[in-house]
């Protein structure tokens, strides 16, 4: 025997499916934003450590070309925000 379709049943299923997909997309967007924020925070910490160790050492040793490197890091930080 074939199944009978109740009028509007397919429309309701489509609406539910659309709503579920929208909720899933919103959840994924929030998760990606959280991951992105965590990666950016890690990158800032890594750069901060690098500036206070390696770059500071190079400046103490008189390597003034490191100033160009600091400018490059500063531009990189600006793109993270």
C-alpha atoms as a PDB file:
ATOM      1  CA  UNK A   1       0.000   0.000   0.000  1.00  0.00           C
ATOM      2  CA  UNK A   2       1.174   3.496  -0.756  1.00  0.00           C
ATOM      3  CA  UNK A   3       1.484   6.122   1.914  1.00  0.00           C
ATOM      4  CA  UNK A   4      -0.930   8.980   1.844  1.00  0.00           C
ATOM      5  CA  UNK A   5       0.418  12.462   2.130  1.00  0.00           C
ATOM      6  CA  UNK A   6      -1.350  14.907   4.326  1.00  0.00           C
ATOM      7  CA  UNK A   7      -1.556  18.315   2.699  1.00  0.00           C
ATOM      8  CA  UNK A   8       1.015  20.644   4.233  1.00  0.00           C
ATOM      9  CA  UNK A   9       3.066  17.797   5.712  1.00  0.00           C
ATOM     10  CA  UNK A  10       5.874  18.207   3.176  1.00  0.00           C
ATOM     11  CA  UNK A  11       5.852  21.964   3.653  1.00  0.00           C
ATOM     12  CA  UNK A  12       6.219  21.531   7.430  1.00  0.00           C
ATOM     13  CA  UNK A  13       9.113  19.097   6.978  1.00  0.00           C
ATOM     14  CA  UNK A  14      10.811  21.516   4.591  1.00  0.00           C
ATOM     15  CA  UNK A  15      10.340  24.374   7.068  1.00  0.00           C
ATOM     16  CA  UNK A  16      11.758  22.239   9.900  1.00  0.00           C
ATOM     17  CA  UNK A  17      14.712  21.207   7.742  1.00  0.00           C
ATOM     18  CA  UNK A  18      15.380  24.834   6.782  1.00  0.00           C
ATOM     19  CA  UNK A  19      15.163  25.941  10.417  1.00  0.00           C
ATOM     20  CA  UNK A  20      17.530  23.157  11.505  1.00  0.00           C
ATOM     21  CA  UNK A  21      20.053  24.057   8.790  1.00  0.00           C
ATOM     22  CA  UNK A  22      19.917  27.718   9.795  1.00  0.00           C
ATOM     23  CA  UNK A  23      20.522  26.825  13.459  1.00  0.00           C
ATOM     24  CA  UNK A  24      23.417  24.556  12.460  1.00  0.00           C
ATOM     25  CA  UNK A  25      24.983  27.320  10.364  1.00  0.00           C
ATOM     26  CA  UNK A  26      24.681  29.783  13.262  1.00  0.00           C
ATOM     27  CA  UNK A  27      26.277  27.262  15.646  1.00  0.00           C
ATOM     28  CA  UNK A  28      29.115  26.609  13.200  1.00  0.00           C
ATOM     29  CA  UNK A  29      29.679  30.344  12.765  1.00  0.00           C
ATOM     30  CA  UNK A  30      29.913  30.845  16.528  1.00  0.00           C
ATOM     31  CA  UNK A  31      32.322  27.907  16.855  1.00  0.00           C
ATOM     32  CA  UNK A  32      34.536  29.240  14.060  1.00  0.00           C
ATOM     33  CA  UNK A  33      34.554  32.696  15.618  1.00  0.00           C
ATOM     34  CA  UNK A  34      35.619  31.200  18.956  1.00  0.00           C
ATOM     35  CA  UNK A  35      38.414  29.187  17.325  1.00  0.00           C
ATOM     36  CA  UNK A  36      39.559  32.250  15.400  1.00  0.00           C
ATOM     37  CA  UNK A  37      39.640  34.333  18.587  1.00  0.00           C
ATOM     38  CA  UNK A  38      41.665  31.638  20.363  1.00  0.00           C
ATOM     39  CA  UNK A  39      44.184  31.418  17.516  1.00  0.00           C
ATOM     40  CA  UNK A  40      44.545  35.207  17.440  1.00  0.00           C
ATOM     41  CA  UNK A  41      45.101  35.301  21.218  1.00  0.00           C
ATOM     42  CA  UNK A  42      47.764  32.605  20.900  1.00  0.00           C
ATOM     43  CA  UNK A  43      49.442  34.503  18.064  1.00  0.00           C
ATOM     44  CA  UNK A  44      49.547  37.695  20.135  1.00  0.00           C
ATOM     45  CA  UNK A  45      51.141  35.818  23.039  1.00  0.00           C
ATOM     46  CA  UNK A  46      53.678  34.223  20.703  1.00  0.00           C
ATOM     47  CA  UNK A  47      54.604  37.572  19.158  1.00  0.00           C
ATOM     48  CA  UNK A  48      54.838  39.184  22.594  1.00  0.00           C
ATOM     49  CA  UNK A  49      57.224  36.478  23.779  1.00  0.00           C
ATOM     50  CA  UNK A  50      59.268  36.776  20.583  1.00  0.00           C
ATOM     51  CA  UNK A  51      59.540  40.558  20.968  1.00  0.00           C
ATOM     52  CA  UNK A  52      60.680  40.308  24.586  1.00  0.00           C
ATOM     53  CA  UNK A  53      63.228  37.581  23.929  1.00  0.00           C
ATOM     54  CA  UNK A  54      64.675  37.324  20.427  1.00  0.00           C
ATOM     55  CA  UNK A  55      64.005  40.864  19.229  1.00  0.00           C
ATOM     56  CA  UNK A  56      65.169  42.427  22.509  1.00  0.00           C
ATOM     57  CA  UNK A  57      68.366  40.371  22.315  1.00  0.00           C
ATOM     58  CA  UNK A  58      69.018  41.510  18.752  1.00  0.00           C
ATOM     59  CA  UNK A  59      68.524  45.167  19.750  1.00  0.00           C
ATOM     60  CA  UNK A  60      70.896  44.774  22.695  1.00  0.00           C
ATOM     61  CA  UNK A  61      73.459  43.327  20.277  1.00  0.00           C
ATOM     62  CA  UNK A  62      73.128  46.436  18.088  1.00  0.00           C
ATOM     63  CA  UNK A  63      71.256  44.867  15.197  1.00  0.00           C
ATOM     64  CA  UNK A  64      69.225  47.897  14.203  1.00  0.00           C
ATOM     65  CA  UNK A  65      67.800  46.124  11.137  1.00  0.00           C
ATOM     66  CA  UNK A  66      65.495  44.416  13.607  1.00  0.00           C
ATOM     67  CA  UNK A  67      63.490  47.669  13.691  1.00  0.00           C
ATOM     68  CA  UNK A  68      62.207  46.864  10.184  1.00  0.00           C
ATOM     69  CA  UNK A  69      61.240  43.455  11.532  1.00  0.00           C
ATOM     70  CA  UNK A  70      59.325  45.095  14.393  1.00  0.00           C
ATOM     71  CA  UNK A  71      57.399  47.192  11.875  1.00  0.00           C
ATOM     72  CA  UNK A  72      56.520  44.009   9.982  1.00  0.00           C
ATOM     73  CA  UNK A  73      55.293  42.384  13.195  1.00  0.00           C
ATOM     74  CA  UNK A  74      53.242  45.466  13.992  1.00  0.00           C
ATOM     75  CA  UNK A  75      51.527  45.253  10.589  1.00  0.00           C
ATOM     76  CA  UNK A  76      50.809  41.556  11.214  1.00  0.00           C
ATOM     77  CA  UNK A  77      49.243  42.332  14.582  1.00  0.00           C
ATOM     78  CA  UNK A  78      47.029  44.953  12.966  1.00  0.00           C
ATOM     79  CA  UNK A  79      45.590  42.370  10.576  1.00  0.00           C
ATOM     80  CA  UNK A  80      44.689  40.057  13.485  1.00  0.00           C
ATOM     81  CA  UNK A  81      42.285  42.537  15.028  1.00  0.00           C
END
